[in-house]
PDB file of N, CA and C in Angstrom:
ATOM      1  N   MET A   1     -50.853  52.189 141.476  1.00  0.00           N
ATOM      2  CA  MET A   1     -49.558  51.527 141.671  1.00  0.00           C
ATOM      3  C   MET A   1     -49.384  51.098 143.069  1.00  0.00           C
ATOM      4  N   TRP A   2     -49.765  51.984 144.047  1.00  0.00           N
ATOM      5  CA  TRP A   2     -49.499  51.604 145.457  1.00  0.00           C
ATOM      6  C   TRP A   2     -50.654  50.707 145.930  1.00  0.00           C
ATOM      7  N   ASP A   3     -51.785  50.603 145.253  1.00  0.00           N
ATOM      8  CA  ASP A   3     -52.842  49.765 145.697  1.00  0.00           C
ATOM      9  C   ASP A   3     -52.654  48.285 145.197  1.00  0.00           C
ATOM     10  N   GLY A   4     -51.585  47.983 144.445  1.00  0.00           N
ATOM     11  CA  GLY A   4     -51.309  46.653 143.966  1.00  0.00           C
ATOM     12  C   GLY A   4     -51.996  46.317 142.658  1.00  0.00           C
ATOM     13  N   LYS A   5     -52.597  47.288 142.019  1.00  0.00           N
ATOM     14  CA  LYS A   5     -53.352  46.998 140.737  1.00  0.00           C
ATOM     15  C   LYS A   5     -52.252  46.870 139.705  1.00  0.00           C
ATOM     16  N   THR A   6     -52.546  45.981 138.709  1.00  0.00           N
ATOM     17  CA  THR A   6     -51.648  45.736 137.644  1.00  0.00           C
ATOM     18  C   THR A   6     -51.743  46.962 136.717  1.00  0.00           C
ATOM     19  N   LEU A   7     -50.600  47.622 136.348  1.00  0.00           N
ATOM     20  CA  LEU A   7     -50.586  48.684 135.436  1.00  0.00           C
ATOM     21  C   LEU A   7     -50.651  48.172 133.987  1.00  0.00           C
ATOM     22  N   VAL A   8     -51.538  48.711 133.180  1.00  0.00           N
ATOM     23  CA  VAL A   8     -51.794  48.149 131.856  1.00  0.00           C
ATOM     24  C   VAL A   8     -51.308  49.034 130.776  1.00  0.00           C
ATOM     25  N   SER A   9     -51.094  48.415 129.572  1.00  0.00           N
ATOM     26  CA  SER A   9     -50.832  49.211 128.348  1.00  0.00           C
ATOM     27  C   SER A   9     -51.866  48.640 127.424  1.00  0.00           C
ATOM     28  N   SER A  10     -52.856  49.404 127.085  1.00  0.00           N
ATOM     29  CA  SER A  10     -53.986  48.882 126.400  1.00  0.00           C
ATOM     30  C   SER A  10     -54.195  49.775 125.128  1.00  0.00           C
ATOM     31  N   ASN A  11     -55.274  49.414 124.363  1.00  0.00           N
ATOM     32  CA  ASN A  11     -55.625  50.256 123.240  1.00  0.00           C
ATOM     33  C   ASN A  11     -56.248  51.547 123.649  1.00  0.00           C
ATOM     34  N   ILE A  12     -56.326  52.492 122.686  1.00  0.00           N
ATOM     35  CA  ILE A  12     -56.896  53.878 123.061  1.00  0.00           C
ATOM     36  C   ILE A  12     -58.258  53.809 123.563  1.00  0.00           C
ATOM     37  N   CYS A  13     -59.099  52.985 122.953  1.00  0.00           N
ATOM     38  CA  CYS A  13     -60.580  52.910 123.449  1.00  0.00           C
ATOM     39  C   CYS A  13     -60.539  52.455 124.912  1.00  0.00           C
ATOM     40  N   ILE A  14     -59.853  51.442 125.331  1.00  0.00           N
ATOM     41  CA  ILE A  14     -59.888  50.982 126.669  1.00  0.00           C
ATOM     42  C   ILE A  14     -59.325  52.064 127.557  1.00  0.00           C
ATOM     43  N   ILE A  15     -58.271  52.703 127.200  1.00  0.00           N
ATOM     44  CA  ILE A  15     -57.639  53.778 127.996  1.00  0.00           C
ATOM     45  C   ILE A  15     -58.620  54.897 128.194  1.00  0.00           C
ATOM     46  N   VAL A  16     -59.330  55.412 127.203  1.00  0.00           N
ATOM     47  CA  VAL A  16     -60.257  56.445 127.331  1.00  0.00           C
ATOM     48  C   VAL A  16     -61.481  56.069 128.105  1.00  0.00           C
ATOM     49  N   CYS A  17     -62.061  54.994 127.621  1.00  0.00           N
ATOM     50  CA  CYS A  17     -63.400  54.647 128.204  1.00  0.00           C
ATOM     51  C   CYS A  17     -63.288  54.014 129.645  1.00  0.00           C
ATOM     52  N   CYS A  18     -62.228  53.205 129.902  1.00  0.00           N
ATOM     53  CA  CYS A  18     -62.183  52.463 131.140  1.00  0.00           C
ATOM     54  C   CYS A  18     -61.218  53.068 132.170  1.00  0.00           C
ATOM     55  N   HIS A  19     -60.402  53.949 131.674  1.00  0.00           N
ATOM     56  CA  HIS A  19     -59.405  54.566 132.712  1.00  0.00           C
ATOM     57  C   HIS A  19     -59.618  56.140 132.796  1.00  0.00           C
ATOM     58  N   PHE A  20     -59.500  56.806 131.650  1.00  0.00           N
ATOM     59  CA  PHE A  20     -59.441  58.193 131.636  1.00  0.00           C
ATOM     60  C   PHE A  20     -60.859  58.832 132.045  1.00  0.00           C
ATOM     61  N   CYS A  21     -61.901  58.486 131.410  1.00  0.00           N
ATOM     62  CA  CYS A  21     -63.233  59.002 131.627  1.00  0.00           C
ATOM     63  C   CYS A  21     -63.663  58.804 133.175  1.00  0.00           C
ATOM     64  N   PRO A  22     -63.512  57.563 133.647  1.00  0.00           N
ATOM     65  CA  PRO A  22     -63.917  57.458 135.125  1.00  0.00           C
ATOM     66  C   PRO A  22     -63.043  58.265 135.988  1.00  0.00           C
ATOM     67  N   TRP A  23     -61.779  58.500 135.694  1.00  0.00           N
ATOM     68  CA  TRP A  23     -60.932  59.326 136.469  1.00  0.00           C
ATOM     69  C   TRP A  23     -61.351  60.753 136.439  1.00  0.00           C
ATOM     70  N   VAL A  24     -61.584  61.270 135.193  1.00  0.00           N
ATOM     71  CA  VAL A  24     -62.037  62.639 135.029  1.00  0.00           C
ATOM     72  C   VAL A  24     -63.325  62.913 135.664  1.00  0.00           C
ATOM     73  N   CYS A  25     -64.290  61.946 135.610  1.00  0.00           N
ATOM     74  CA  CYS A  25     -65.558  62.170 136.224  1.00  0.00           C
ATOM     75  C   CYS A  25     -65.656  61.978 137.744  1.00  0.00           C
ATOM     76  N   GLY A  26     -64.519  61.631 138.224  1.00  0.00           N
ATOM     77  CA  GLY A  26     -64.421  61.494 139.676  1.00  0.00           C
ATOM     78  C   GLY A  26     -64.926  60.093 140.222  1.00  0.00           C
ATOM     79  N   CYS A  27     -65.192  59.180 139.393  1.00  0.00           N
ATOM     80  CA  CYS A  27     -65.692  57.896 139.707  1.00  0.00           C
ATOM     81  C   CYS A  27     -64.563  56.999 140.369  1.00  0.00           C
ATOM     82  N   THR A  28     -63.315  57.416 140.123  1.00  0.00           N
ATOM     83  CA  THR A  28     -62.187  56.643 140.715  1.00  0.00           C
ATOM     84  C   THR A  28     -61.044  57.615 140.884  1.00  0.00           C
ATOM     85  N   LYS A  29     -60.150  57.319 141.772  1.00  0.00           N
ATOM     86  CA  LYS A  29     -58.919  58.090 142.008  1.00  0.00           C
ATOM     87  C   LYS A  29     -57.768  57.412 141.418  1.00  0.00           C
ATOM     88  N   GLN A  30     -57.964  56.458 140.639  1.00  0.00           N
ATOM     89  CA  GLN A  30     -56.859  55.574 140.065  1.00  0.00           C
ATOM     90  C   GLN A  30     -56.973  55.620 138.542  1.00  0.00           C
ATOM     91  N   MET A  31     -55.747  55.584 137.909  1.00  0.00           N
ATOM     92  CA  MET A  31     -55.696  55.371 136.517  1.00  0.00           C
ATOM     93  C   MET A  31     -54.545  54.462 136.335  1.00  0.00           C
ATOM     94  N   ALA A  32     -54.811  53.121 136.328  1.00  0.00           N
ATOM     95  CA  ALA A  32     -53.897  51.986 136.394  1.00  0.00           C
ATOM     96  C   ALA A  32     -53.226  51.809 135.081  1.00  0.00           C
ATOM     97  N   LEU A  33     -52.471  52.799 134.483  1.00  0.00           N
ATOM     98  CA  LEU A  33     -51.716  52.746 133.191  1.00  0.00           C
ATOM     99  C   LEU A  33     -50.254  52.691 133.481  1.00  0.00           C
ATOM    100  N   GLN A  34     -49.491  52.012 132.611  1.00  0.00           N
ATOM    101  CA  GLN A  34     -48.070  51.946 132.755  1.00  0.00           C
ATOM    102  C   GLN A  34     -47.454  53.357 132.608  1.00  0.00           C
ATOM    103  N   GLY A  35     -46.435  53.648 133.279  1.00  0.00           N
ATOM    104  CA  GLY A  35     -45.792  54.987 133.241  1.00  0.00           C
ATOM    105  C   GLY A  35     -45.113  55.298 134.532  1.00  0.00           C
ATOM    106  N   PRO A  36     -45.743  55.108 135.698  1.00  0.00           N
ATOM    107  CA  PRO A  36     -45.063  55.369 136.981  1.00  0.00           C
ATOM    108  C   PRO A  36     -44.200  54.161 137.416  1.00  0.00           C
ATOM    109  N   VAL A  37     -43.126  54.532 138.088  1.00  0.00           N
ATOM    110  CA  VAL A  37     -42.280  53.474 138.539  1.00  0.00           C
ATOM    111  C   VAL A  37     -41.900  53.842 139.999  1.00  0.00           C
ATOM    112  N   PRO A  38     -41.930  52.948 141.019  1.00  0.00           N
ATOM    113  CA  PRO A  38     -41.597  53.240 142.347  1.00  0.00           C
ATOM    114  C   PRO A  38     -40.033  53.552 142.453  1.00  0.00           C
ATOM    115  N   ILE A  39     -39.742  54.619 143.204  1.00  0.00           N
ATOM    116  CA  ILE A  39     -38.415  54.961 143.481  1.00  0.00           C
ATOM    117  C   ILE A  39     -38.214  55.304 144.931  1.00  0.00           C
ATOM    118  N   SER A  40     -36.996  55.173 145.406  1.00  0.00           N
ATOM    119  CA  SER A  40     -36.666  55.467 146.877  1.00  0.00           C
ATOM    120  C   SER A  40     -35.406  56.369 146.847  1.00  0.00           C
ATOM    121  N   LEU A  41     -35.573  57.446 147.544  1.00  0.00           N
ATOM    122  CA  LEU A  41     -34.481  58.421 147.775  1.00  0.00           C
ATOM    123  C   LEU A  41     -34.173  58.511 149.301  1.00  0.00           C
ATOM    124  N   PRO A  42     -32.999  58.768 149.679  1.00  0.00           N
ATOM    125  CA  PRO A  42     -32.710  58.862 151.087  1.00  0.00           C
ATOM    126  C   PRO A  42     -33.684  59.756 151.899  1.00  0.00           C
ATOM    127  N   GLY A  43     -34.403  59.265 152.824  1.00  0.00           N
ATOM    128  CA  GLY A  43     -35.288  59.981 153.582  1.00  0.00           C
ATOM    129  C   GLY A  43     -36.718  60.004 153.020  1.00  0.00           C
ATOM    130  N   HIS A  44     -36.895  59.535 151.830  1.00  0.00           N
ATOM    131  CA  HIS A  44     -38.259  59.476 151.180  1.00  0.00           C
ATOM    132  C   HIS A  44     -38.369  58.097 150.539  1.00  0.00           C
ATOM    133  N   LEU A  45     -39.036  57.198 151.138  1.00  0.00           N
ATOM    134  CA  LEU A  45     -39.208  55.871 150.729  1.00  0.00           C
ATOM    135  C   LEU A  45     -40.281  55.634 149.649  1.00  0.00           C
ATOM    136  N   ASP A  46     -41.451  56.190 149.872  1.00  0.00           N
ATOM    137  CA  ASP A  46     -42.526  55.869 148.933  1.00  0.00           C
ATOM    138  C   ASP A  46     -42.773  57.007 147.941  1.00  0.00           C
ATOM    139  N   LEU A  47     -41.969  56.994 146.925  1.00  0.00           N
ATOM    140  CA  LEU A  47     -42.042  58.014 145.784  1.00  0.00           C
ATOM    141  C   LEU A  47     -42.323  57.261 144.452  1.00  0.00           C
ATOM    142  N   CYS A  48     -42.706  57.961 143.521  1.00  0.00           N
ATOM    143  CA  CYS A  48     -42.743  57.353 142.159  1.00  0.00           C
ATOM    144  C   CYS A  48     -42.301  58.382 141.118  1.00  0.00           C
ATOM    145  N   PHE A  49     -41.709  57.909 140.091  1.00  0.00           N
ATOM    146  CA  PHE A  49     -41.253  58.695 138.983  1.00  0.00           C
ATOM    147  C   PHE A  49     -42.253  58.464 137.781  1.00  0.00           C
ATOM    148  N   VAL A  50     -42.839  59.483 137.253  1.00  0.00           N
ATOM    149  CA  VAL A  50     -43.990  59.318 136.288  1.00  0.00           C
ATOM    150  C   VAL A  50     -43.550  59.832 134.937  1.00  0.00           C
ATOM    151  N   VAL A  51     -43.770  59.017 133.882  1.00  0.00           N
ATOM    152  CA  VAL A  51     -43.655  59.513 132.540  1.00  0.00           C
ATOM    153  C   VAL A  51     -45.058  59.256 131.920  1.00  0.00           C
ATOM    154  N   ASN A  52     -45.550  60.240 131.306  1.00  0.00           N
ATOM    155  CA  ASN A  52     -47.008  60.076 130.753  1.00  0.00           C
ATOM    156  C   ASN A  52     -47.077  60.809 129.450  1.00  0.00           C
ATOM    157  N   GLY A  53     -47.914  60.245 128.563  1.00  0.00           N
ATOM    158  CA  GLY A  53     -48.214  60.911 127.350  1.00  0.00           C
ATOM    159  C   GLY A  53     -47.876  60.176 126.073  1.00  0.00           C
ATOM    160  N   ALA A  54     -47.017  59.118 126.181  1.00  0.00           N
ATOM    161  CA  ALA A  54     -46.754  58.322 124.969  1.00  0.00           C
ATOM    162  C   ALA A  54     -47.900  57.335 124.736  1.00  0.00           C
ATOM    163  N   TYR A  55     -47.933  56.869 123.527  1.00  0.00           N
ATOM    164  CA  TYR A  55     -48.858  55.826 123.200  1.00  0.00           C
ATOM    165  C   TYR A  55     -48.152  54.785 122.410  1.00  0.00           C
ATOM    166  N   PRO A  56     -48.131  53.557 122.849  1.00  0.00           N
ATOM    167  CA  PRO A  56     -48.847  52.957 123.930  1.00  0.00           C
ATOM    168  C   PRO A  56     -48.119  53.229 125.331  1.00  0.00           C
ATOM    169  N   ALA A  57     -48.871  53.038 126.357  1.00  0.00           N
ATOM    170  CA  ALA A  57     -48.370  53.361 127.682  1.00  0.00           C
ATOM    171  C   ALA A  57     -47.099  52.497 128.033  1.00  0.00           C
ATOM    172  N   SER A  58     -46.816  51.491 127.349  1.00  0.00           N
ATOM    173  CA  SER A  58     -45.598  50.729 127.585  1.00  0.00           C
ATOM    174  C   SER A  58     -44.379  51.585 127.138  1.00  0.00           C
ATOM    175  N   GLU A  59     -44.545  52.549 126.311  1.00  0.00           N
ATOM    176  CA  GLU A  59     -43.475  53.448 125.917  1.00  0.00           C
ATOM    177  C   GLU A  59     -43.141  54.378 127.038  1.00  0.00           C
ATOM    178  N   ASP A  60     -44.164  54.821 127.811  1.00  0.00           N
ATOM    179  CA  ASP A  60     -43.923  55.654 129.024  1.00  0.00           C
ATOM    180  C   ASP A  60     -43.074  54.846 129.963  1.00  0.00           C
ATOM    181  N   LEU A  61     -43.402  53.591 130.163  1.00  0.00           N
ATOM    182  CA  LEU A  61     -42.630  52.772 131.116  1.00  0.00           C
ATOM    183  C   LEU A  61     -41.172  52.615 130.652  1.00  0.00           C
ATOM    184  N   ALA A  62     -40.962  52.427 129.357  1.00  0.00           N
ATOM    185  CA  ALA A  62     -39.619  52.255 128.856  1.00  0.00           C
ATOM    186  C   ALA A  62     -38.862  53.509 129.031  1.00  0.00           C
ATOM    187  N   ILE A  63     -39.499  54.634 128.776  1.00  0.00           N
ATOM    188  CA  ILE A  63     -38.802  55.979 128.884  1.00  0.00           C
ATOM    189  C   ILE A  63     -38.356  56.196 130.334  1.00  0.00           C
ATOM    190  N   ALA A  64     -39.361  55.838 131.241  1.00  0.00           N
ATOM    191  CA  ALA A  64     -38.985  56.010 132.701  1.00  0.00           C
ATOM    192  C   ALA A  64     -37.828  55.164 133.108  1.00  0.00           C
ATOM    193  N   GLU A  65     -37.826  53.920 132.724  1.00  0.00           N
ATOM    194  CA  GLU A  65     -36.776  53.022 133.025  1.00  0.00           C
ATOM    195  C   GLU A  65     -35.466  53.363 132.435  1.00  0.00           C
ATOM    196  N   GLU A  66     -35.467  53.762 131.178  1.00  0.00           N
ATOM    197  CA  GLU A  66     -34.209  54.224 130.590  1.00  0.00           C
ATOM    198  C   GLU A  66     -33.616  55.497 131.156  1.00  0.00           C
ATOM    199  N   THR A  67     -34.531  56.396 131.567  1.00  0.00           N
ATOM    200  CA  THR A  67     -34.140  57.683 132.225  1.00  0.00           C
ATOM    201  C   THR A  67     -33.496  57.334 133.624  1.00  0.00           C
ATOM    202  N   LEU A  68     -34.108  56.521 134.376  1.00  0.00           N
ATOM    203  CA  LEU A  68     -33.549  56.183 135.698  1.00  0.00           C
ATOM    204  C   LEU A  68     -32.315  55.449 135.622  1.00  0.00           C
ATOM    205  N   THR A  69     -32.218  54.618 134.665  1.00  0.00           N
ATOM    206  CA  THR A  69     -30.893  53.795 134.443  1.00  0.00           C
ATOM    207  C   THR A  69     -29.825  54.819 134.019  1.00  0.00           C
ATOM    208  N   SER A  70     -30.063  55.780 133.164  1.00  0.00           N
ATOM    209  CA  SER A  70     -29.052  56.695 132.785  1.00  0.00           C
ATOM    210  C   SER A  70     -28.652  57.712 133.888  1.00  0.00           C
ATOM    211  N   CYS A  71     -29.480  57.730 134.878  1.00  0.00           N
ATOM    212  CA  CYS A  71     -29.136  58.639 135.944  1.00  0.00           C
ATOM    213  C   CYS A  71     -28.570  57.897 137.195  1.00  0.00           C
ATOM    214  N   GLY A  72     -28.150  56.637 136.954  1.00  0.00           N
ATOM    215  CA  GLY A  72     -27.558  55.860 138.038  1.00  0.00           C
ATOM    216  C   GLY A  72     -28.391  55.061 138.913  1.00  0.00           C
ATOM    217  N   PHE A  73     -29.684  54.857 138.614  1.00  0.00           N
ATOM    218  CA  PHE A  73     -30.672  54.098 139.440  1.00  0.00           C
ATOM    219  C   PHE A  73     -30.623  52.687 138.872  1.00  0.00           C
ATOM    220  N   ALA A  74     -31.033  51.745 139.792  1.00  0.00           N
ATOM    221  CA  ALA A  74     -31.224  50.336 139.463  1.00  0.00           C
ATOM    222  C   ALA A  74     -32.320  49.732 140.306  1.00  0.00           C
ATOM    223  N   LYS A  75     -32.968  48.719 139.795  1.00  0.00           N
ATOM    224  CA  LYS A  75     -34.005  48.148 140.519  1.00  0.00           C
ATOM    225  C   LYS A  75     -33.426  47.230 141.613  1.00  0.00           C
ATOM    226  N   ASP A  76     -34.079  47.299 142.808  1.00  0.00           N
ATOM    227  CA  ASP A  76     -33.602  46.407 143.884  1.00  0.00           C
ATOM    228  C   ASP A  76     -34.408  45.111 143.913  1.00  0.00           C
ATOM    229  N   ALA A  77     -34.268  44.345 144.872  1.00  0.00           N
ATOM    230  CA  ALA A  77     -34.944  43.072 144.920  1.00  0.00           C
ATOM    231  C   ALA A  77     -36.434  43.172 144.929  1.00  0.00           C
ATOM    232  N   SER A  78     -36.999  44.276 145.405  1.00  0.00           N
ATOM    233  CA  SER A  78     -38.465  44.502 145.443  1.00  0.00           C
ATOM    234  C   SER A  78     -38.947  45.327 144.207  1.00  0.00           C
ATOM    235  N   ASN A  79     -38.113  45.497 143.232  1.00  0.00           N
ATOM    236  CA  ASN A  79     -38.508  46.248 141.956  1.00  0.00           C
ATOM    237  C   ASN A  79     -38.617  47.713 142.246  1.00  0.00           C
ATOM    238  N   VAL A  80     -38.062  48.200 143.207  1.00  0.00           N
ATOM    239  CA  VAL A  80     -37.990  49.612 143.552  1.00  0.00           C
ATOM    240  C   VAL A  80     -36.693  50.199 142.978  1.00  0.00           C
ATOM    241  N   TRP A  81     -36.819  51.373 142.351  1.00  0.00           N
ATOM    242  CA  TRP A  81     -35.592  51.943 141.756  1.00  0.00           C
ATOM    243  C   TRP A  81     -34.886  52.744 142.868  1.00  0.00           C
ATOM    244  N   VAL A  82     -33.603  52.439 143.057  1.00  0.00           N
ATOM    245  CA  VAL A  82     -32.802  53.121 144.055  1.00  0.00           C
ATOM    246  C   VAL A  82     -31.507  53.506 143.389  1.00  0.00           C
ATOM    247  N   LYS A  83     -30.874  54.501 143.939  1.00  0.00           N
ATOM    248  CA  LYS A  83     -29.577  54.979 143.435  1.00  0.00           C
ATOM    249  C   LYS A  83     -28.532  53.976 143.752  1.00  0.00           C
ATOM    250  N   SER A  84     -27.723  53.606 142.738  1.00  0.00           N
ATOM    251  CA  SER A  84     -26.675  52.629 142.890  1.00  0.00           C
ATOM    252  C   SER A  84     -25.639  53.160 143.863  1.00  0.00           C
ATOM    253  N   ALA A  85     -25.131  52.228 144.736  1.00  0.00           N
ATOM    254  CA  ALA A  85     -24.140  52.682 145.720  1.00  0.00           C
ATOM    255  C   ALA A  85     -22.914  53.385 145.110  1.00  0.00           C
ATOM    256  N   ASP A  86     -22.549  52.814 143.921  1.00  0.00           N
ATOM    257  CA  ASP A  86     -21.320  53.501 143.306  1.00  0.00           C
ATOM    258  C   ASP A  86     -21.659  54.758 142.552  1.00  0.00           C
ATOM    259  N   GLN A  87     -22.934  55.070 142.462  1.00  0.00           N
ATOM    260  CA  GLN A  87     -23.250  56.256 141.827  1.00  0.00           C
ATOM    261  C   GLN A  87     -23.713  57.450 142.683  1.00  0.00           C
ATOM    262  N   THR A  88     -23.697  57.210 143.936  1.00  0.00           N
ATOM    263  CA  THR A  88     -24.124  58.287 144.880  1.00  0.00           C
ATOM    264  C   THR A  88     -23.127  59.437 144.839  1.00  0.00           C
ATOM    265  N   MET A  89     -23.664  60.599 144.947  1.00  0.00           N
ATOM    266  CA  MET A  89     -22.705  61.831 144.860  1.00  0.00           C
ATOM    267  C   MET A  89     -22.499  62.221 146.284  1.00  0.00           C
ATOM    268  N   PRO A  90     -21.241  62.568 146.562  1.00  0.00           N
ATOM    269  CA  PRO A  90     -20.901  63.083 147.926  1.00  0.00           C
ATOM    270  C   PRO A  90     -21.557  64.397 148.194  1.00  0.00           C
ATOM    271  N   VAL A  91     -21.933  64.566 149.418  1.00  0.00           N
ATOM    272  CA  VAL A  91     -22.510  65.869 149.827  1.00  0.00           C
ATOM    273  C   VAL A  91     -21.423  66.907 149.812  1.00  0.00           C
ATOM    274  N   PRO A  92     -21.665  68.049 149.104  1.00  0.00           N
ATOM    275  CA  PRO A  92     -20.647  69.061 149.071  1.00  0.00           C
ATOM    276  C   PRO A  92     -20.341  69.579 150.507  1.00  0.00           C
ATOM    277  N   ALA A  93     -19.038  69.941 150.768  1.00  0.00           N
ATOM    278  CA  ALA A  93     -18.637  70.455 152.025  1.00  0.00           C
ATOM    279  C   ALA A  93     -19.269  71.934 152.175  1.00  0.00           C
ATOM    280  N   PRO A  94     -19.658  72.283 153.339  1.00  0.00           N
ATOM    281  CA  PRO A  94     -20.178  73.615 153.480  1.00  0.00           C
ATOM    282  C   PRO A  94     -19.144  74.683 153.181  1.00  0.00           C
ATOM    283  N   GLN A  95     -19.489  75.720 152.618  1.00  0.00           N
ATOM    284  CA  GLN A  95     -18.492  76.718 152.318  1.00  0.00           C
ATOM    285  C   GLN A  95     -18.879  78.014 152.999  1.00  0.00           C
ATOM    286  N   PHE A  96     -17.913  78.711 153.424  1.00  0.00           N
ATOM    287  CA  PHE A  96     -18.099  80.001 154.119  1.00  0.00           C
ATOM    288  C   PHE A  96     -17.626  81.083 153.218  1.00  0.00           C
ATOM    289  N   ILE A  97     -18.449  82.056 152.999  1.00  0.00           N
ATOM    290  CA  ILE A  97     -17.998  83.193 152.143  1.00  0.00           C
ATOM    291  C   ILE A  97     -17.994  84.366 153.024  1.00  0.00           C
ATOM    292  N   GLY A  98     -16.881  84.935 153.255  1.00  0.00           N
ATOM    293  CA  GLY A  98     -16.686  86.059 154.148  1.00  0.00           C
ATOM    294  C   GLY A  98     -17.164  87.345 153.525  1.00  0.00           C
ATOM    295  N   ASN A  99     -17.256  88.419 154.333  1.00  0.00           N
ATOM    296  CA  ASN A  99     -17.680  89.704 153.872  1.00  0.00           C
ATOM    297  C   ASN A  99     -16.620  90.412 153.141  1.00  0.00           C
TER     298      ASN A  99
END
């Protein structure tokens, strides 16, 4: 995802033979399948949220996007998921508990 590769949703043979096996054998450090989406949190810009295990991989992507939407995230102009301004939670005030 960070290398600019197109993330695919393919048939099971392509996924196993062209993505999974080369990754397991150490031939590549990438598995360019749909499922991860870039997110940004305050103080942490380059993060991703990953859903994995559904078939086809496009279902992983749909689950990730629906989950982030339900948690108050939205895509910005660069397609990075960020917390909507009206959905940010205030930081709780520090509390002192006496002895």
